[in-house]
Amino acid sequence: MKKYSTTERPVGYGKCYDCDLPYSDFPIDLGVSDEIWELISPTERGGGGLLCPACMVKRLSELIPKEQTGGAKTVEEIVIEYLEANGFDGLYEPSESCACDMADLIACQDYCSGCVAGYKHLCPTDCGDPDHEFHISAEKPKGDSDARQ
């Protein structure tokens, strides 16, 4: 479980340390006991940091030994296994402008019922959205100018 040092603090205040979701976008304000927070806190110093509810749950699930789950995989583990086994680079929502690559899978923290597997492409120069560097689509990359990273 990642513990951030003071030099690794995410850019900007009021964001989840793990996924950068702004606090104002948290679906609920979730509190846990001090004892639980010490186990999942994203910082090396006691009591510090901020996590969205989804990242809190993810960190809590990492504390449960596989033996206690009967060795069952998480949904994220199953999705990653499928994507890797079939040569995909990530997920995208065809009807929206939402995509995530393997390095930051399900970063939006939304229920991904409409997401499908896809291939990563460099963001075209005419994209006009400075908030991302890539697109994911059903189309496989063709050449060097559209190479995956």
N, C-alpha and C. Protein backbone atom coordinates (compact mmCIF):
# COMPACT_ATOMS: atom_id res chain seq x y z
N MET A 1 0.85 -1.16 0.00
CA MET A 1 0.00 0.00 0.00
C MET A 1 0.90 1.24 0.00
N LYS A 2 0.67 2.12 -0.93
CA LYS A 2 1.51 3.30 -1.11
C LYS A 2 1.37 4.26 0.06
N LYS A 3 2.52 4.71 0.59
CA LYS A 3 2.58 5.77 1.59
C LYS A 3 3.39 6.91 0.96
N TYR A 4 2.81 8.07 0.85
CA TYR A 4 3.46 9.21 0.22
C TYR A 4 4.30 9.97 1.24
N SER A 5 5.52 10.34 0.85
CA SER A 5 6.35 11.18 1.70
C SER A 5 5.91 12.64 1.50
N THR A 6 6.44 13.52 2.31
CA THR A 6 6.06 14.93 2.19
C THR A 6 6.47 15.51 0.84
N THR A 7 7.49 14.97 0.20
CA THR A 7 7.93 15.48 -1.11
C THR A 7 7.09 14.91 -2.25
N GLU A 8 6.29 13.89 -1.98
CA GLU A 8 5.46 13.26 -3.02
C GLU A 8 4.01 13.72 -2.96
N ARG A 9 3.72 14.73 -2.17
CA ARG A 9 2.34 15.19 -2.00
C ARG A 9 1.74 15.52 -3.37
N PRO A 10 0.50 15.08 -3.61
CA PRO A 10 -0.15 15.40 -4.89
C PRO A 10 -0.24 16.91 -5.10
N VAL A 11 -0.19 17.33 -6.35
CA VAL A 11 -0.28 18.75 -6.68
C VAL A 11 -1.67 19.26 -6.31
N GLY A 12 -1.70 20.35 -5.59
CA GLY A 12 -2.98 20.94 -5.19
C GLY A 12 -3.52 20.31 -3.93
N TYR A 13 -4.19 21.11 -3.16
CA TYR A 13 -4.79 20.62 -1.92
C TYR A 13 -6.22 20.21 -2.18
N GLY A 14 -6.76 19.42 -1.26
CA GLY A 14 -8.15 19.04 -1.36
C GLY A 14 -8.45 18.00 -2.42
N LYS A 15 -7.46 17.12 -2.70
CA LYS A 15 -7.65 16.04 -3.67
C LYS A 15 -7.29 14.71 -3.02
N CYS A 16 -7.89 13.65 -3.51
CA CYS A 16 -7.54 12.31 -3.08
C CYS A 16 -6.08 12.04 -3.46
N TYR A 17 -5.32 11.53 -2.52
CA TYR A 17 -3.91 11.24 -2.79
C TYR A 17 -3.73 10.17 -3.85
N ASP A 18 -4.63 9.20 -3.91
CA ASP A 18 -4.45 8.08 -4.83
C ASP A 18 -4.98 8.34 -6.24
N CYS A 19 -6.09 9.06 -6.37
CA CYS A 19 -6.69 9.22 -7.71
C CYS A 19 -6.86 10.67 -8.16
N ASP A 20 -6.48 11.63 -7.32
CA ASP A 20 -6.57 13.07 -7.63
C ASP A 20 -8.00 13.60 -7.76
N LEU A 21 -9.00 12.85 -7.32
CA LEU A 21 -10.37 13.34 -7.37
C LEU A 21 -10.51 14.50 -6.40
N PRO A 22 -11.01 15.67 -6.86
CA PRO A 22 -11.19 16.80 -5.94
C PRO A 22 -12.21 16.47 -4.85
N TYR A 23 -11.95 16.97 -3.65
CA TYR A 23 -12.84 16.72 -2.53
C TYR A 23 -14.28 17.14 -2.85
N SER A 24 -14.44 18.21 -3.59
CA SER A 24 -15.78 18.70 -3.95
C SER A 24 -16.55 17.70 -4.81
N ASP A 25 -15.85 16.74 -5.43
CA ASP A 25 -16.49 15.73 -6.28
C ASP A 25 -16.71 14.39 -5.57
N PHE A 26 -16.30 14.28 -4.29
CA PHE A 26 -16.53 13.04 -3.56
C PHE A 26 -18.04 12.81 -3.49
N PRO A 27 -18.51 11.60 -3.79
CA PRO A 27 -19.95 11.35 -3.75
C PRO A 27 -20.53 11.41 -2.33
N ILE A 28 -19.71 11.06 -1.33
CA ILE A 28 -20.11 11.15 0.08
C ILE A 28 -18.88 11.52 0.89
N ASP A 29 -19.10 12.02 2.08
CA ASP A 29 -18.01 12.31 3.00
C ASP A 29 -17.95 11.14 3.97
N LEU A 30 -16.95 10.31 3.83
CA LEU A 30 -16.85 9.07 4.61
C LEU A 30 -15.80 9.21 5.69
N GLY A 31 -16.17 8.95 6.92
CA GLY A 31 -15.24 9.00 8.04
C GLY A 31 -15.00 7.61 8.59
N VAL A 32 -13.80 7.39 9.10
CA VAL A 32 -13.46 6.12 9.75
C VAL A 32 -12.78 6.42 11.08
N SER A 33 -12.68 5.43 11.94
CA SER A 33 -12.04 5.62 13.24
C SER A 33 -10.55 5.94 13.05
N ASP A 34 -9.96 6.55 14.07
CA ASP A 34 -8.52 6.86 14.02
C ASP A 34 -7.68 5.60 13.80
N GLU A 35 -8.10 4.49 14.41
CA GLU A 35 -7.35 3.23 14.27
C GLU A 35 -7.35 2.73 12.83
N ILE A 36 -8.51 2.81 12.19
CA ILE A 36 -8.61 2.39 10.79
C ILE A 36 -7.83 3.35 9.91
N TRP A 37 -7.96 4.66 10.17
CA TRP A 37 -7.26 5.64 9.34
C TRP A 37 -5.74 5.42 9.38
N GLU A 38 -5.20 5.07 10.56
CA GLU A 38 -3.76 4.82 10.65
C GLU A 38 -3.35 3.66 9.73
N LEU A 39 -4.23 2.69 9.52
CA LEU A 39 -3.91 1.55 8.65
C LEU A 39 -3.94 1.93 7.17
N ILE A 40 -4.82 2.86 6.79
CA ILE A 40 -4.99 3.16 5.36
C ILE A 40 -4.49 4.55 4.96
N SER A 41 -4.05 5.35 5.92
CA SER A 41 -3.60 6.72 5.63
C SER A 41 -2.58 6.73 4.49
N PRO A 42 -2.72 7.68 3.56
CA PRO A 42 -1.80 7.71 2.43
C PRO A 42 -0.46 8.38 2.73
N THR A 43 -0.28 8.91 3.94
CA THR A 43 0.96 9.61 4.24
C THR A 43 1.79 8.86 5.27
N GLU A 44 3.08 9.18 5.29
CA GLU A 44 3.98 8.56 6.25
C GLU A 44 3.78 9.13 7.65
N ARG A 45 3.28 10.36 7.72
CA ARG A 45 3.04 10.96 9.04
C ARG A 45 1.63 10.58 9.50
N GLY A 46 1.48 10.34 10.75
CA GLY A 46 0.21 9.88 11.29
C GLY A 46 -0.93 10.85 11.06
N GLY A 47 -2.07 10.32 10.64
CA GLY A 47 -3.28 11.11 10.50
C GLY A 47 -3.37 12.00 9.28
N GLY A 48 -2.37 12.02 8.44
CA GLY A 48 -2.36 12.94 7.31
C GLY A 48 -3.00 12.37 6.06
N GLY A 49 -3.21 13.25 5.10
CA GLY A 49 -3.68 12.84 3.78
C GLY A 49 -5.18 12.89 3.62
N LEU A 50 -5.60 12.66 2.39
CA LEU A 50 -7.01 12.67 2.02
C LEU A 50 -7.25 11.56 1.01
N LEU A 51 -8.29 10.77 1.23
CA LEU A 51 -8.67 9.70 0.31
C LEU A 51 -10.16 9.80 0.01
N CYS A 52 -10.53 9.60 -1.24
CA CYS A 52 -11.94 9.54 -1.60
C CYS A 52 -12.50 8.21 -1.08
N PRO A 53 -13.82 8.09 -0.98
CA PRO A 53 -14.40 6.85 -0.47
C PRO A 53 -13.97 5.60 -1.25
N ALA A 54 -13.89 5.69 -2.57
CA ALA A 54 -13.51 4.52 -3.37
C ALA A 54 -12.07 4.09 -3.06
N CYS A 55 -11.17 5.05 -2.91
CA CYS A 55 -9.78 4.69 -2.60
C CYS A 55 -9.64 4.19 -1.17
N MET A 56 -10.50 4.70 -0.26
CA MET A 56 -10.51 4.16 1.10
C MET A 56 -10.90 2.69 1.09
N VAL A 57 -11.94 2.36 0.34
CA VAL A 57 -12.39 0.98 0.25
C VAL A 57 -11.32 0.11 -0.39
N LYS A 58 -10.68 0.63 -1.43
CA LYS A 58 -9.62 -0.13 -2.10
C LYS A 58 -8.48 -0.43 -1.12
N ARG A 59 -8.05 0.57 -0.35
CA ARG A 59 -6.98 0.36 0.62
C ARG A 59 -7.42 -0.61 1.72
N LEU A 60 -8.66 -0.50 2.17
CA LEU A 60 -9.16 -1.43 3.18
C LEU A 60 -9.17 -2.87 2.65
N SER A 61 -9.55 -3.03 1.38
CA SER A 61 -9.59 -4.39 0.81
C SER A 61 -8.19 -4.99 0.71
N GLU A 62 -7.17 -4.15 0.59
CA GLU A 62 -5.79 -4.65 0.54
C GLU A 62 -5.35 -5.22 1.89
N LEU A 63 -6.06 -4.85 2.95
CA LEU A 63 -5.70 -5.34 4.28
C LEU A 63 -6.26 -6.73 4.57
N ILE A 64 -7.23 -7.16 3.77
CA ILE A 64 -7.87 -8.45 4.00
C ILE A 64 -7.03 -9.54 3.35
N PRO A 65 -6.49 -10.46 4.15
CA PRO A 65 -5.68 -11.53 3.57
C PRO A 65 -6.50 -12.38 2.59
N LYS A 66 -5.87 -12.80 1.52
CA LYS A 66 -6.56 -13.62 0.51
C LYS A 66 -7.17 -14.88 1.11
N GLU A 67 -6.55 -15.39 2.17
CA GLU A 67 -7.08 -16.59 2.80
C GLU A 67 -8.50 -16.35 3.33
N GLN A 68 -8.76 -15.12 3.78
CA GLN A 68 -10.07 -14.81 4.34
C GLN A 68 -11.13 -14.61 3.26
N THR A 69 -10.72 -14.42 2.04
CA THR A 69 -11.68 -14.27 0.94
C THR A 69 -11.79 -15.57 0.14
N GLY A 70 -11.16 -16.61 0.63
CA GLY A 70 -11.17 -17.87 -0.09
C GLY A 70 -10.33 -17.79 -1.36
N GLY A 71 -9.40 -16.83 -1.41
CA GLY A 71 -8.55 -16.65 -2.58
C GLY A 71 -9.25 -15.94 -3.73
N ALA A 72 -10.46 -15.43 -3.48
CA ALA A 72 -11.21 -14.76 -4.55
C ALA A 72 -10.51 -13.49 -5.01
N LYS A 73 -10.60 -13.23 -6.29
CA LYS A 73 -10.00 -12.03 -6.87
C LYS A 73 -10.98 -10.87 -6.78
N THR A 74 -10.42 -9.67 -6.74
CA THR A 74 -11.27 -8.48 -6.79
C THR A 74 -11.70 -8.25 -8.23
N VAL A 75 -12.72 -7.42 -8.42
CA VAL A 75 -13.17 -7.09 -9.77
C VAL A 75 -12.03 -6.45 -10.56
N GLU A 76 -11.27 -5.57 -9.92
CA GLU A 76 -10.15 -4.92 -10.59
C GLU A 76 -9.11 -5.95 -11.03
N GLU A 77 -8.80 -6.93 -10.20
CA GLU A 77 -7.83 -7.97 -10.56
C GLU A 77 -8.33 -8.79 -11.76
N ILE A 78 -9.62 -9.08 -11.77
CA ILE A 78 -10.21 -9.85 -12.88
C ILE A 78 -10.13 -9.05 -14.18
N VAL A 79 -10.45 -7.76 -14.11
CA VAL A 79 -10.42 -6.90 -15.30
C VAL A 79 -8.98 -6.78 -15.82
N ILE A 80 -8.03 -6.53 -14.94
CA ILE A 80 -6.62 -6.40 -15.36
C ILE A 80 -6.14 -7.69 -16.01
N GLU A 81 -6.47 -8.83 -15.41
CA GLU A 81 -6.07 -10.12 -15.97
C GLU A 81 -6.63 -10.30 -17.39
N TYR A 82 -7.90 -9.95 -17.58
CA TYR A 82 -8.52 -10.07 -18.90
C TYR A 82 -7.86 -9.13 -19.91
N LEU A 83 -7.65 -7.87 -19.53
CA LEU A 83 -7.05 -6.90 -20.45
C LEU A 83 -5.66 -7.34 -20.88
N GLU A 84 -4.84 -7.76 -19.92
CA GLU A 84 -3.48 -8.20 -20.24
C GLU A 84 -3.48 -9.45 -21.10
N ALA A 85 -4.32 -10.42 -20.79
CA ALA A 85 -4.38 -11.68 -21.54
C ALA A 85 -4.82 -11.47 -22.99
N ASN A 86 -5.57 -10.40 -23.24
CA ASN A 86 -6.10 -10.16 -24.58
C ASN A 86 -5.46 -8.98 -25.30
N GLY A 87 -4.36 -8.45 -24.75
CA GLY A 87 -3.58 -7.41 -25.42
C GLY A 87 -4.20 -6.02 -25.41
N PHE A 88 -5.13 -5.74 -24.52
CA PHE A 88 -5.74 -4.42 -24.44
C PHE A 88 -4.90 -3.49 -23.55
N ASP A 89 -5.11 -2.20 -23.72
CA ASP A 89 -4.35 -1.19 -22.97
C ASP A 89 -5.14 -0.53 -21.86
N GLY A 90 -6.46 -0.68 -21.86
CA GLY A 90 -7.26 -0.04 -20.84
C GLY A 90 -8.74 -0.14 -21.15
N LEU A 91 -9.51 0.77 -20.54
CA LEU A 91 -10.96 0.79 -20.71
C LEU A 91 -11.40 2.15 -21.23
N TYR A 92 -12.54 2.17 -21.92
CA TYR A 92 -13.12 3.45 -22.33
C TYR A 92 -14.63 3.32 -22.37
N GLU A 93 -15.29 4.45 -22.22
CA GLU A 93 -16.75 4.51 -22.28
C GLU A 93 -17.10 5.08 -23.65
N PRO A 94 -17.64 4.27 -24.58
CA PRO A 94 -17.89 4.72 -25.95
C PRO A 94 -18.82 5.93 -26.07
N SER A 95 -19.76 6.08 -25.16
CA SER A 95 -20.71 7.19 -25.29
C SER A 95 -20.27 8.44 -24.53
N GLU A 96 -19.12 8.39 -23.86
CA GLU A 96 -18.61 9.54 -23.11
C GLU A 96 -17.14 9.72 -23.42
N SER A 97 -16.56 10.78 -22.88
CA SER A 97 -15.13 11.01 -23.09
C SER A 97 -14.37 10.55 -21.85
N CYS A 98 -14.52 9.29 -21.53
CA CYS A 98 -13.88 8.72 -20.34
C CYS A 98 -13.03 7.53 -20.78
N ALA A 99 -11.77 7.53 -20.36
CA ALA A 99 -10.87 6.42 -20.68
C ALA A 99 -9.82 6.31 -19.58
N CYS A 100 -9.36 5.10 -19.33
CA CYS A 100 -8.29 4.89 -18.37
C CYS A 100 -7.36 3.80 -18.89
N ASP A 101 -6.07 4.04 -18.70
CA ASP A 101 -5.11 3.02 -19.13
C ASP A 101 -4.76 2.12 -17.94
N MET A 102 -3.93 1.13 -18.19
CA MET A 102 -3.61 0.14 -17.17
C MET A 102 -2.91 0.76 -15.96
N ALA A 103 -2.18 1.86 -16.16
CA ALA A 103 -1.46 2.48 -15.06
C ALA A 103 -2.40 3.14 -14.06
N ASP A 104 -3.59 3.49 -14.48
CA ASP A 104 -4.53 4.20 -13.62
C ASP A 104 -5.95 3.70 -13.88
N LEU A 105 -6.11 2.39 -13.79
CA LEU A 105 -7.38 1.76 -14.14
C LEU A 105 -8.51 2.21 -13.22
N ILE A 106 -9.63 2.54 -13.81
CA ILE A 106 -10.84 2.98 -13.13
C ILE A 106 -10.56 4.20 -12.25
N ALA A 107 -9.80 5.13 -12.79
CA ALA A 107 -9.43 6.34 -12.06
C ALA A 107 -10.63 7.22 -11.75
N CYS A 108 -11.66 7.13 -12.55
CA CYS A 108 -12.85 7.96 -12.35
C CYS A 108 -13.64 7.53 -11.12
N GLN A 109 -13.39 6.33 -10.65
CA GLN A 109 -14.07 5.78 -9.48
C GLN A 109 -15.57 5.59 -9.68
N ASP A 110 -16.00 5.62 -10.92
CA ASP A 110 -17.41 5.41 -11.22
C ASP A 110 -17.69 3.92 -11.42
N TYR A 111 -18.95 3.59 -11.36
CA TYR A 111 -19.36 2.25 -11.71
C TYR A 111 -19.19 2.13 -13.22
N CYS A 112 -18.37 1.24 -13.67
CA CYS A 112 -17.94 1.18 -15.08
C CYS A 112 -18.77 0.21 -15.90
N SER A 113 -20.07 0.20 -15.73
CA SER A 113 -20.90 -0.77 -16.43
C SER A 113 -20.89 -0.57 -17.94
N GLY A 114 -20.62 0.64 -18.42
CA GLY A 114 -20.60 0.89 -19.86
C GLY A 114 -19.21 0.85 -20.47
N CYS A 115 -18.18 0.63 -19.67
CA CYS A 115 -16.81 0.64 -20.17
C CYS A 115 -16.50 -0.66 -20.92
N VAL A 116 -15.68 -0.53 -21.96
CA VAL A 116 -15.24 -1.69 -22.74
C VAL A 116 -13.73 -1.64 -22.91
N ALA A 117 -13.15 -2.77 -23.24
CA ALA A 117 -11.71 -2.87 -23.44
C ALA A 117 -11.31 -2.15 -24.73
N GLY A 118 -10.12 -1.55 -24.71
CA GLY A 118 -9.67 -0.85 -25.91
C GLY A 118 -8.16 -0.69 -25.96
N TYR A 119 -7.73 0.03 -27.01
CA TYR A 119 -6.32 0.22 -27.29
C TYR A 119 -5.96 1.69 -27.14
N LYS A 120 -4.77 1.93 -26.62
CA LYS A 120 -4.30 3.29 -26.33
C LYS A 120 -3.70 3.93 -27.57
N HIS A 121 -4.06 5.20 -27.79
CA HIS A 121 -3.53 6.01 -28.89
C HIS A 121 -3.03 7.33 -28.31
N LEU A 122 -1.97 7.86 -28.87
CA LEU A 122 -1.52 9.18 -28.46
C LEU A 122 -2.61 10.19 -28.79
N CYS A 123 -2.74 11.19 -27.96
CA CYS A 123 -3.76 12.21 -28.16
C CYS A 123 -3.44 13.00 -29.42
N PRO A 124 -4.37 13.12 -30.37
CA PRO A 124 -4.10 13.88 -31.58
C PRO A 124 -3.90 15.37 -31.27
N THR A 125 -3.10 16.03 -32.08
CA THR A 125 -2.80 17.44 -31.84
C THR A 125 -4.04 18.33 -31.90
N ASP A 126 -5.07 17.91 -32.61
CA ASP A 126 -6.29 18.71 -32.72
C ASP A 126 -7.34 18.35 -31.67
N CYS A 127 -6.95 17.59 -30.65
CA CYS A 127 -7.89 17.13 -29.63
C CYS A 127 -8.51 18.31 -28.88
N GLY A 128 -7.69 19.27 -28.50
CA GLY A 128 -8.20 20.45 -27.81
C GLY A 128 -8.44 20.28 -26.33
N ASP A 129 -8.15 19.11 -25.75
CA ASP A 129 -8.34 18.91 -24.32
C ASP A 129 -6.98 18.70 -23.66
N PRO A 130 -6.49 19.70 -22.92
CA PRO A 130 -5.16 19.59 -22.31
C PRO A 130 -5.12 18.68 -21.09
N ASP A 131 -6.26 18.14 -20.67
CA ASP A 131 -6.31 17.34 -19.46
C ASP A 131 -5.92 15.88 -19.65
N HIS A 132 -5.65 15.46 -20.87
CA HIS A 132 -5.23 14.08 -21.08
C HIS A 132 -4.23 13.99 -22.23
N GLU A 133 -3.48 12.90 -22.23
CA GLU A 133 -2.42 12.70 -23.22
C GLU A 133 -2.69 11.54 -24.17
N PHE A 134 -3.81 10.84 -23.97
CA PHE A 134 -4.09 9.68 -24.79
C PHE A 134 -5.59 9.49 -24.94
N HIS A 135 -5.95 8.65 -25.91
CA HIS A 135 -7.33 8.21 -26.11
C HIS A 135 -7.29 6.69 -26.11
N ILE A 136 -8.39 6.07 -25.78
CA ILE A 136 -8.51 4.62 -25.88
C ILE A 136 -9.75 4.35 -26.71
N SER A 137 -9.59 3.45 -27.69
CA SER A 137 -10.72 3.13 -28.57
C SER A 137 -10.65 1.66 -28.98
N ALA A 138 -11.64 1.23 -29.73
CA ALA A 138 -11.69 -0.15 -30.21
C ALA A 138 -10.68 -0.41 -31.32
N GLU A 139 -10.20 0.65 -31.94
CA GLU A 139 -9.28 0.54 -33.07
C GLU A 139 -7.85 0.30 -32.59
N LYS A 140 -7.19 -0.73 -33.15
CA LYS A 140 -5.81 -1.00 -32.81
C LYS A 140 -4.91 0.08 -33.43
N PRO A 141 -3.83 0.46 -32.75
CA PRO A 141 -2.88 1.44 -33.31
C PRO A 141 -2.29 0.89 -34.61
N LYS A 142 -2.07 1.80 -35.57
CA LYS A 142 -1.59 1.38 -36.89
C LYS A 142 -0.09 1.53 -37.08
N GLY A 143 0.48 2.64 -36.64
CA GLY A 143 1.90 2.85 -36.92
C GLY A 143 2.59 3.62 -35.84
N ASP A 144 3.82 4.06 -36.13
CA ASP A 144 4.63 4.77 -35.16
C ASP A 144 3.98 6.04 -34.65
N SER A 145 3.27 6.75 -35.52
CA SER A 145 2.67 8.01 -35.10
C SER A 145 1.51 7.80 -34.14
N ASP A 146 1.05 6.59 -34.05
CA ASP A 146 -0.07 6.26 -33.17
C ASP A 146 0.33 5.18 -32.17
N ALA A 147 1.63 5.14 -31.86
CA ALA A 147 2.16 4.08 -31.01
C ALA A 147 1.66 4.18 -29.57
N ARG A 148 1.55 3.03 -28.98
CA ARG A 148 1.16 2.97 -27.56
C ARG A 148 2.35 3.33 -26.70
N GLN A 149 2.07 3.88 -25.56
CA GLN A 149 3.13 4.18 -24.57
C GLN A 149 2.86 3.45 -23.30
